[in-house]
Amino acid sequence: MQTEQENKFLTDFEANQNIVHKVCRIYTTNQDAHNDLFQEIAIQLWKNYSKFRGDAKFSTWMYRVALNTAISLYRKSSRRVKTQDISDIAFKIEAKEYDDTEEVQLKALYGAIRTLSDIDKALIFLYLEDKPYKEIAETLGISEVNARVKMNRAKDKLKKILNP
C-alpha cells in the first residue's frame, strides 16, 4: 500500500522522467551505463524527496539532483581503470545507403558534449532544454551572470571541438 507521498513522487517522477533520460544520455555512452545511472538518479530523487520544499518547480529540483548524481558518479568512475567492451570497437560496418545527416550531427554533438567538463555539460544540457539563464543558475547554484559567462565559454569550446 502506497502512501500519499509515494504516489505524489511517482506522479511527479513519471511526468518528468525524460529529464533523467536526457541527463543519462549526456553522461553515458552505452545502454547499460544509461540504465544504471537512471536507476541511481531515481534512488537519489526518492531519498531526497522529503527535502523537496517546493520553493522551485519539481522539474528544476529534479535537474539539480540528476545532474549532481551524474557528476558525482562520473567523477568516481574517472578514478577507476577504464576498460572498453570489445563489441564497441570490433568490426562495426555501417550500411552506406543509410545516411541520416541529422542523426550523425546529433551523435557528433553528444560526443563533443561528453568531452566537456562536468559543469559545462550541465550548462549545455540545460541550454538545449531551453531553460532560461535564471533557472540554469538556480539549478547549478551559481549566479545568473556566471551562468551566462560559462555558457559562452562552453559554446566556444563546442565550436572548436565540432569545427577544428
Protein backbone atom coordinates (compact mmCIF):
# COMPACT_ATOMS: atom_id res chain seq x y z
CA MET A 1 0.00 0.00 0.00
CA GLN A 2 1.50 3.27 -1.13
CA THR A 3 1.44 6.43 0.94
CA GLU A 4 0.30 9.79 -0.36
CA GLN A 5 3.94 10.94 -0.54
CA GLU A 6 4.92 7.89 -2.62
CA ASN A 7 2.01 8.48 -5.01
CA LYS A 8 2.92 12.17 -5.38
CA PHE A 9 6.57 11.29 -6.04
CA LEU A 10 5.67 8.65 -8.64
CA THR A 11 3.30 11.04 -10.41
CA ASP A 12 5.91 13.83 -10.48
CA PHE A 13 8.70 11.44 -11.49
CA GLU A 14 6.73 9.83 -14.31
CA ALA A 15 5.70 13.22 -15.67
CA ASN A 16 9.34 14.38 -15.75
CA GLN A 17 11.35 11.20 -16.28
CA ASN A 18 12.51 12.40 -19.71
CA ILE A 19 14.76 14.82 -17.81
CA VAL A 20 16.56 11.87 -16.24
CA HIS A 21 16.90 10.11 -19.60
CA LYS A 22 18.43 13.23 -21.14
CA VAL A 23 20.93 13.60 -18.31
CA CYS A 24 21.82 9.92 -18.69
CA ARG A 25 22.33 10.37 -22.42
CA ILE A 26 24.79 13.20 -21.80
CA TYR A 27 26.85 11.32 -19.18
CA THR A 28 26.85 7.76 -20.55
CA THR A 29 27.96 6.04 -23.73
CA ASN A 30 26.03 2.74 -23.69
CA GLN A 31 22.63 1.40 -22.68
CA ASP A 32 23.81 -0.49 -19.59
CA ALA A 33 25.51 2.60 -18.17
CA HIS A 34 22.41 4.64 -19.07
CA ASN A 35 20.17 2.21 -17.17
CA ASP A 36 22.50 2.15 -14.15
CA LEU A 37 22.67 5.94 -14.00
CA PHE A 38 18.89 6.23 -14.46
CA GLN A 39 18.36 3.88 -11.52
CA GLU A 40 20.86 5.72 -9.33
CA ILE A 41 19.23 9.08 -10.10
CA ALA A 42 15.78 7.65 -9.33
CA ILE A 43 17.07 6.36 -5.99
CA GLN A 44 18.63 9.72 -5.13
CA LEU A 45 15.44 11.54 -6.10
CA TRP A 46 13.38 9.30 -3.82
CA LYS A 47 15.88 9.55 -0.94
CA ASN A 48 15.81 13.35 -1.15
CA TYR A 49 12.13 13.81 -1.98
CA SER A 50 11.29 14.56 1.64
CA LYS A 51 13.72 17.53 1.43
CA PHE A 52 11.94 18.99 -1.61
CA ARG A 53 10.26 22.08 -0.20
CA GLY A 54 8.53 23.26 -3.35
CA ASP A 55 10.43 26.57 -3.46
CA ALA A 56 11.32 25.77 -7.07
CA LYS A 57 9.47 23.73 -9.65
CA PHE A 58 9.78 19.96 -9.27
CA SER A 59 11.50 19.77 -12.67
CA THR A 60 14.16 22.30 -11.60
CA TRP A 61 14.84 20.34 -8.43
CA MET A 62 14.91 17.13 -10.47
CA TYR A 63 17.50 18.62 -12.85
CA ARG A 64 19.68 19.58 -9.92
CA VAL A 65 19.56 16.15 -8.25
CA ALA A 66 20.02 14.34 -11.57
CA LEU A 67 22.99 16.45 -12.63
CA ASN A 68 24.64 16.25 -9.21
CA THR A 69 24.20 12.46 -9.15
CA ALA A 70 25.57 12.08 -12.68
CA ILE A 71 28.55 14.34 -11.98
CA SER A 72 29.30 12.53 -8.75
CA LEU A 73 29.19 9.10 -10.38
CA TYR A 74 31.17 10.38 -13.38
CA ARG A 75 33.93 11.63 -11.07
CA LYS A 76 34.01 8.33 -9.19
CA SER A 77 34.21 6.36 -12.43
CA SER A 78 37.00 8.55 -13.81
CA ARG A 79 39.21 7.39 -10.93
CA ARG A 80 38.85 3.76 -12.00
CA VAL A 81 40.84 2.00 -14.67
CA LYS A 82 38.99 2.43 -17.93
CA THR A 83 38.02 -0.67 -19.87
CA GLN A 84 36.20 -0.98 -23.14
CA ASP A 85 33.83 -3.64 -24.33
CA ILE A 86 35.27 -5.35 -27.40
CA SER A 87 31.90 -5.09 -29.13
CA ASP A 88 32.24 -1.28 -29.01
CA ILE A 89 35.33 -1.34 -31.23
CA ALA A 90 35.38 -4.59 -33.16
CA PHE A 91 34.34 -4.70 -36.79
CA LYS A 92 31.43 -2.31 -36.91
CA ILE A 93 30.42 -1.77 -40.52
CA GLU A 94 27.68 0.68 -41.34
CA ALA A 95 25.44 0.38 -44.38
CA LYS A 96 26.38 3.07 -46.89
CA GLU A 97 22.88 3.59 -48.31
CA TYR A 98 21.53 4.86 -44.99
CA ASP A 99 22.70 8.40 -44.38
CA ASP A 100 20.74 10.34 -41.82
CA THR A 101 22.71 13.57 -41.56
CA GLU A 102 20.69 14.85 -38.63
CA GLU A 103 21.34 11.69 -36.63
CA VAL A 104 25.06 11.87 -37.45
CA GLN A 105 25.16 15.51 -36.37
CA LEU A 106 23.30 14.72 -33.16
CA LYS A 107 25.75 11.92 -32.34
CA ALA A 108 28.65 14.27 -33.05
CA LEU A 109 27.10 16.90 -30.77
CA TYR A 110 26.60 14.40 -27.92
CA GLY A 111 30.15 13.14 -28.45
CA ALA A 112 31.51 16.69 -28.25
CA ILE A 113 29.41 17.42 -25.15
CA ARG A 114 30.84 14.33 -23.43
CA THR A 115 34.34 15.80 -23.76
CA LEU A 116 33.40 18.93 -21.81
CA SER A 117 33.88 19.42 -18.08
CA ASP A 118 31.07 18.43 -15.72
CA ILE A 119 29.76 21.96 -15.26
CA ASP A 120 29.96 22.70 -19.00
CA LYS A 121 27.99 19.53 -19.75
CA ALA A 122 25.31 20.59 -17.32
CA LEU A 123 25.18 24.13 -18.74
CA ILE A 124 24.88 22.93 -22.34
CA PHE A 125 22.28 20.34 -21.36
CA LEU A 126 20.08 22.91 -19.64
CA TYR A 127 20.60 25.34 -22.54
CA LEU A 128 19.48 22.69 -25.02
CA GLU A 129 16.41 22.18 -22.85
CA ASP A 130 15.56 25.88 -23.46
CA LYS A 131 15.87 26.74 -19.80
CA PRO A 132 16.21 30.47 -19.05
CA TYR A 133 19.53 31.59 -17.57
CA LYS A 134 17.82 32.33 -14.27
CA GLU A 135 16.69 28.69 -13.97
CA ILE A 136 20.08 27.40 -15.16
CA ALA A 137 21.80 29.47 -12.49
CA GLU A 138 19.36 28.28 -9.83
CA THR A 139 19.75 24.64 -10.85
CA LEU A 140 23.55 24.78 -10.79
CA GLY A 141 23.81 27.02 -7.74
CA ILE A 142 25.68 29.85 -9.49
CA SER A 143 24.82 33.45 -10.30
CA GLU A 144 22.96 34.28 -13.49
CA VAL A 145 25.90 36.38 -14.74
CA ASN A 146 28.28 33.48 -14.06
CA ALA A 147 25.95 31.13 -15.92
CA ARG A 148 25.99 33.42 -18.97
CA VAL A 149 29.79 33.73 -18.94
CA LYS A 150 30.29 29.99 -18.51
CA MET A 151 27.73 29.29 -21.24
CA ASN A 152 29.58 31.46 -23.75
CA ARG A 153 32.84 29.72 -22.91
CA ALA A 154 31.22 26.28 -23.20
CA LYS A 155 29.72 27.21 -26.59
CA ASP A 156 33.16 28.32 -27.78
CA LYS A 157 34.67 25.02 -26.65
CA LEU A 158 31.95 23.09 -28.52
CA LYS A 159 32.55 25.14 -31.67
CA LYS A 160 36.26 24.33 -31.53
CA ILE A 161 35.56 20.63 -31.00
CA LEU A 162 32.97 20.38 -33.77
CA ASN A 163 34.81 22.65 -36.25
CA PRO A 164 38.55 22.16 -35.64
